[in-house]
C-alpha cells in the first residue's frame, strides 16, 4: 500500500470519526440529561439536597464529562493530522 492510499484512508477515517463523534455526543448528552433528571427527582423526593443545588452540581459534572469527551475527540483529530503529515513526508522522501 503506497503513501497516497494511506493518506486517503486517514481522510476517510477522519470523516468516519467525525460522524461517529457527532452521533454519539448527542446520544451521550441525552443519556446524561435522563440520568440527571432521574437523580434529581429521587434526591428531591428524599429532601436530602436542595433541588437547585443538586441540578447545578449535576449540570457541572455533565458539562465536565462532555467537555472531556470533546477534548479527547479533538486530541484524536490532531494525532490523525500528525500521522497524515508523517505519511506525506515519507512519500516525499521516497520520490
N, C-alpha and C. Protein backbone atom coordinates (compact mmCIF):
# COMPACT_ATOMS: atom_id res chain seq x y z
N UNK A 1 0.85 -1.17 0.00
CA UNK A 1 0.00 0.00 0.00
C UNK A 1 0.89 1.24 0.00
N UNK A 2 0.66 2.13 -0.93
CA UNK A 2 1.50 3.31 -1.01
C UNK A 2 1.03 4.41 -0.06
N UNK A 3 1.81 5.45 0.03
CA UNK A 3 1.52 6.53 0.97
C UNK A 3 0.24 7.28 0.61
N UNK A 4 -0.04 7.45 -0.67
CA UNK A 4 -1.26 8.16 -1.06
C UNK A 4 -2.50 7.39 -0.62
N UNK A 5 -2.44 6.10 -0.72
CA UNK A 5 -3.56 5.27 -0.27
C UNK A 5 -3.73 5.37 1.24
N UNK A 6 -2.62 5.37 1.96
CA UNK A 6 -2.68 5.51 3.42
C UNK A 6 -3.24 6.87 3.80
N UNK A 7 -2.84 7.92 3.08
CA UNK A 7 -3.37 9.26 3.33
C UNK A 7 -4.86 9.30 3.06
N UNK A 8 -5.29 8.67 1.98
CA UNK A 8 -6.71 8.61 1.66
C UNK A 8 -7.47 7.86 2.75
N UNK A 9 -6.89 6.79 3.24
CA UNK A 9 -7.51 6.04 4.33
C UNK A 9 -7.64 6.89 5.59
N UNK A 10 -6.65 7.73 5.85
CA UNK A 10 -6.72 8.63 7.01
C UNK A 10 -7.83 9.65 6.85
N UNK A 11 -7.99 10.18 5.65
CA UNK A 11 -9.06 11.14 5.40
C UNK A 11 -10.41 10.47 5.64
N UNK A 12 -10.56 9.26 5.13
CA UNK A 12 -11.80 8.50 5.35
C UNK A 12 -12.03 8.25 6.84
N UNK A 13 -10.96 7.93 7.55
CA UNK A 13 -11.05 7.70 8.98
C UNK A 13 -11.50 8.96 9.71
N UNK A 14 -10.94 10.11 9.34
CA UNK A 14 -11.32 11.37 9.98
C UNK A 14 -12.80 11.66 9.78
N UNK A 15 -13.29 11.45 8.56
CA UNK A 15 -14.70 11.69 8.28
C UNK A 15 -15.57 10.73 9.09
N UNK A 16 -15.17 9.49 9.14
CA UNK A 16 -15.91 8.48 9.88
C UNK A 16 -15.94 8.81 11.38
N UNK A 17 -14.80 9.20 11.92
CA UNK A 17 -14.73 9.55 13.34
C UNK A 17 -15.55 10.79 13.65
N UNK A 18 -15.55 11.76 12.76
CA UNK A 18 -16.34 12.98 12.97
C UNK A 18 -17.83 12.65 13.03
N UNK A 19 -18.29 11.82 12.12
CA UNK A 19 -19.70 11.43 12.09
C UNK A 19 -20.06 10.64 13.34
N UNK A 20 -19.21 9.69 13.69
CA UNK A 20 -19.45 8.87 14.87
C UNK A 20 -19.46 9.72 16.14
N UNK A 21 -18.52 10.67 16.23
CA UNK A 21 -18.46 11.55 17.40
C UNK A 21 -19.72 12.39 17.51
N UNK A 22 -20.18 12.93 16.40
CA UNK A 22 -21.38 13.75 16.41
C UNK A 22 -22.59 12.94 16.86
N UNK A 23 -22.75 11.75 16.31
CA UNK A 23 -23.88 10.89 16.69
C UNK A 23 -23.81 10.50 18.16
N UNK A 24 -22.64 10.08 18.59
CA UNK A 24 -22.50 9.60 19.97
C UNK A 24 -22.58 10.74 20.98
N UNK A 25 -22.09 11.92 20.63
CA UNK A 25 -22.14 13.02 21.60
C UNK A 25 -23.58 13.45 21.85
N UNK A 26 -24.42 13.42 20.83
CA UNK A 26 -25.84 13.75 21.02
C UNK A 26 -26.49 12.71 21.93
N UNK A 27 -26.24 11.44 21.66
CA UNK A 27 -26.79 10.37 22.49
C UNK A 27 -26.25 10.44 23.92
N UNK A 28 -24.97 10.76 24.04
CA UNK A 28 -24.33 10.87 25.35
C UNK A 28 -24.98 11.99 26.16
N UNK A 29 -25.20 13.12 25.52
CA UNK A 29 -25.82 14.25 26.21
C UNK A 29 -27.25 13.91 26.63
N UNK A 30 -28.00 13.26 25.76
CA UNK A 30 -29.36 12.84 26.12
C UNK A 30 -29.35 11.87 27.29
N UNK A 31 -28.42 10.93 27.26
CA UNK A 31 -28.30 9.96 28.35
C UNK A 31 -27.99 10.67 29.67
N UNK A 32 -27.03 11.59 29.64
CA UNK A 32 -26.68 12.32 30.87
C UNK A 32 -27.86 13.11 31.39
N UNK A 33 -28.61 13.76 30.49
CA UNK A 33 -29.78 14.52 30.91
C UNK A 33 -30.83 13.62 31.54
N UNK A 34 -31.05 12.43 30.97
CA UNK A 34 -32.01 11.49 31.55
C UNK A 34 -31.58 11.03 32.93
N UNK A 35 -30.31 10.68 33.06
CA UNK A 35 -29.79 10.22 34.35
C UNK A 35 -29.88 11.34 35.39
N UNK A 36 -29.51 12.53 35.00
CA UNK A 36 -29.54 13.66 35.93
C UNK A 36 -30.97 13.96 36.36
N UNK A 37 -31.90 13.92 35.42
CA UNK A 37 -33.30 14.18 35.76
C UNK A 37 -33.81 13.14 36.76
N UNK A 38 -33.52 11.88 36.48
CA UNK A 38 -33.92 10.80 37.39
C UNK A 38 -33.30 11.00 38.77
N UNK A 39 -32.02 11.31 38.80
CA UNK A 39 -31.30 11.52 40.05
C UNK A 39 -31.88 12.70 40.82
N UNK A 40 -32.15 13.79 40.12
CA UNK A 40 -32.70 14.98 40.78
C UNK A 40 -34.07 14.69 41.38
N UNK A 41 -34.91 13.98 40.65
CA UNK A 41 -36.25 13.65 41.15
C UNK A 41 -36.14 12.82 42.42
N UNK A 42 -35.29 11.81 42.40
CA UNK A 42 -35.15 10.95 43.59
C UNK A 42 -34.55 11.70 44.77
N UNK A 43 -33.56 12.53 44.52
CA UNK A 43 -32.92 13.26 45.62
C UNK A 43 -33.87 14.30 46.22
N UNK A 44 -34.66 14.96 45.38
CA UNK A 44 -35.57 15.98 45.92
C UNK A 44 -36.74 15.32 46.65
N UNK A 45 -37.12 14.10 46.25
CA UNK A 45 -38.16 13.37 46.99
C UNK A 45 -37.68 13.05 48.40
N UNK A 46 -36.43 12.71 48.51
CA UNK A 46 -35.86 12.37 49.81
C UNK A 46 -35.48 13.61 50.61
N UNK A 47 -35.52 14.76 49.99
CA UNK A 47 -35.15 16.03 50.61
C UNK A 47 -33.73 16.01 51.18
N UNK A 48 -32.89 15.19 50.59
CA UNK A 48 -31.50 15.11 51.05
C UNK A 48 -30.71 16.34 50.63
N UNK A 49 -31.02 16.86 49.48
CA UNK A 49 -30.30 18.00 48.94
C UNK A 49 -31.32 18.91 48.28
N UNK A 50 -31.07 20.21 48.34
CA UNK A 50 -31.96 21.14 47.66
C UNK A 50 -31.94 20.92 46.15
N UNK A 51 -33.08 21.08 45.53
CA UNK A 51 -33.21 20.80 44.09
C UNK A 51 -32.30 21.68 43.25
N UNK A 52 -32.24 22.96 43.56
CA UNK A 52 -31.41 23.87 42.76
C UNK A 52 -29.93 23.51 42.89
N UNK A 53 -29.50 23.23 44.10
CA UNK A 53 -28.09 22.88 44.31
C UNK A 53 -27.75 21.58 43.58
N UNK A 54 -28.63 20.60 43.67
CA UNK A 54 -28.40 19.33 43.02
C UNK A 54 -28.35 19.48 41.50
N UNK A 55 -29.26 20.26 40.94
CA UNK A 55 -29.26 20.48 39.50
C UNK A 55 -27.97 21.16 39.05
N UNK A 56 -27.48 22.09 39.85
CA UNK A 56 -26.25 22.80 39.50
C UNK A 56 -25.05 21.85 39.54
N UNK A 57 -24.98 21.02 40.56
CA UNK A 57 -23.89 20.04 40.66
C UNK A 57 -23.93 19.09 39.48
N UNK A 58 -25.12 18.58 39.19
CA UNK A 58 -25.28 17.63 38.08
C UNK A 58 -24.94 18.29 36.74
N UNK A 59 -25.37 19.52 36.57
CA UNK A 59 -25.09 20.25 35.33
C UNK A 59 -23.59 20.42 35.15
N UNK A 60 -22.90 20.81 36.21
CA UNK A 60 -21.44 21.00 36.13
C UNK A 60 -20.72 19.68 35.83
N UNK A 61 -21.14 18.61 36.47
CA UNK A 61 -20.50 17.31 36.23
C UNK A 61 -20.75 16.83 34.81
N UNK A 62 -21.97 16.99 34.31
CA UNK A 62 -22.26 16.55 32.94
C UNK A 62 -21.49 17.40 31.94
N UNK A 63 -21.36 18.69 32.20
CA UNK A 63 -20.56 19.55 31.32
C UNK A 63 -19.10 19.13 31.33
N UNK A 64 -18.59 18.76 32.50
CA UNK A 64 -17.20 18.29 32.59
C UNK A 64 -17.01 17.02 31.75
N UNK A 65 -17.96 16.11 31.83
CA UNK A 65 -17.87 14.87 31.06
C UNK A 65 -17.91 15.17 29.57
N UNK A 66 -18.85 16.02 29.15
CA UNK A 66 -18.97 16.35 27.73
C UNK A 66 -17.75 17.12 27.23
N UNK A 67 -17.22 18.01 28.04
CA UNK A 67 -16.02 18.75 27.65
C UNK A 67 -14.82 17.82 27.51
N UNK A 68 -14.70 16.87 28.42
CA UNK A 68 -13.59 15.91 28.35
C UNK A 68 -13.71 15.04 27.11
N UNK A 69 -14.93 14.59 26.80
CA UNK A 69 -15.16 13.80 25.59
C UNK A 69 -14.79 14.61 24.36
N UNK A 70 -15.20 15.86 24.34
CA UNK A 70 -14.87 16.76 23.23
C UNK A 70 -13.36 16.94 23.10
N UNK A 71 -12.70 17.11 24.23
CA UNK A 71 -11.24 17.26 24.24
C UNK A 71 -10.56 16.02 23.65
N UNK A 72 -11.01 14.84 24.06
CA UNK A 72 -10.42 13.61 23.53
C UNK A 72 -10.63 13.48 22.03
N UNK A 73 -11.80 13.88 21.56
CA UNK A 73 -12.07 13.83 20.12
C UNK A 73 -11.10 14.74 19.37
N UNK A 74 -10.94 15.97 19.85
CA UNK A 74 -10.05 16.91 19.17
C UNK A 74 -8.58 16.48 19.27
N UNK A 75 -8.21 15.89 20.37
CA UNK A 75 -6.85 15.35 20.51
C UNK A 75 -6.63 14.23 19.50
N UNK A 76 -7.62 13.39 19.33
CA UNK A 76 -7.55 12.31 18.34
C UNK A 76 -7.41 12.89 16.94
N UNK A 77 -8.13 13.96 16.64
CA UNK A 77 -8.04 14.59 15.33
C UNK A 77 -6.64 15.15 15.08
N UNK A 78 -6.04 15.73 16.11
CA UNK A 78 -4.68 16.25 15.98
C UNK A 78 -3.68 15.12 15.72
N UNK A 79 -3.88 14.00 16.40
CA UNK A 79 -3.00 12.85 16.18
C UNK A 79 -3.13 12.32 14.75
N UNK A 80 -4.34 12.30 14.24
CA UNK A 80 -4.54 11.85 12.86
C UNK A 80 -3.87 12.81 11.89
N UNK A 81 -3.95 14.12 12.16
CA UNK A 81 -3.26 15.09 11.30
C UNK A 81 -1.76 14.86 11.32
N UNK A 82 -1.23 14.56 12.49
CA UNK A 82 0.20 14.28 12.62
C UNK A 82 0.59 13.04 11.81
N UNK A 83 -0.20 12.00 11.90
CA UNK A 83 0.07 10.78 11.12
C UNK A 83 0.00 11.09 9.63
N UNK A 84 -0.98 11.86 9.24
CA UNK A 84 -1.13 12.24 7.83
C UNK A 84 0.10 13.01 7.34
N UNK A 85 0.57 13.92 8.17
CA UNK A 85 1.76 14.71 7.83
C UNK A 85 2.99 13.80 7.70
N UNK A 86 3.12 12.86 8.62
CA UNK A 86 4.25 11.93 8.55
C UNK A 86 4.20 11.07 7.29
N UNK A 87 3.01 10.63 6.91
CA UNK A 87 2.86 9.88 5.66
C UNK A 87 3.28 10.72 4.46
N UNK A 88 2.89 11.99 4.47
CA UNK A 88 3.26 12.87 3.36
C UNK A 88 4.77 13.05 3.30
N UNK A 89 5.41 13.21 4.45
CA UNK A 89 6.86 13.36 4.47
C UNK A 89 7.55 12.09 3.99
N UNK A 90 7.04 10.95 4.39
CA UNK A 90 7.60 9.69 3.90
C UNK A 90 7.41 9.55 2.40
N UNK A 91 6.27 9.95 1.92
CA UNK A 91 6.00 9.89 0.48
C UNK A 91 6.94 10.81 -0.28
N UNK A 92 7.18 12.00 0.26
CA UNK A 92 8.10 12.95 -0.39
C UNK A 92 9.54 12.44 -0.37
N UNK A 93 9.91 11.77 0.69
CA UNK A 93 11.28 11.25 0.77
C UNK A 93 11.49 10.06 -0.17
N UNK A 94 10.42 9.33 -0.48
CA UNK A 94 10.52 8.20 -1.41
C UNK A 94 10.66 8.66 -2.85
N UNK A 95 10.23 9.85 -3.13
CA UNK A 95 10.26 10.32 -4.53
C UNK A 95 11.58 10.88 -4.91
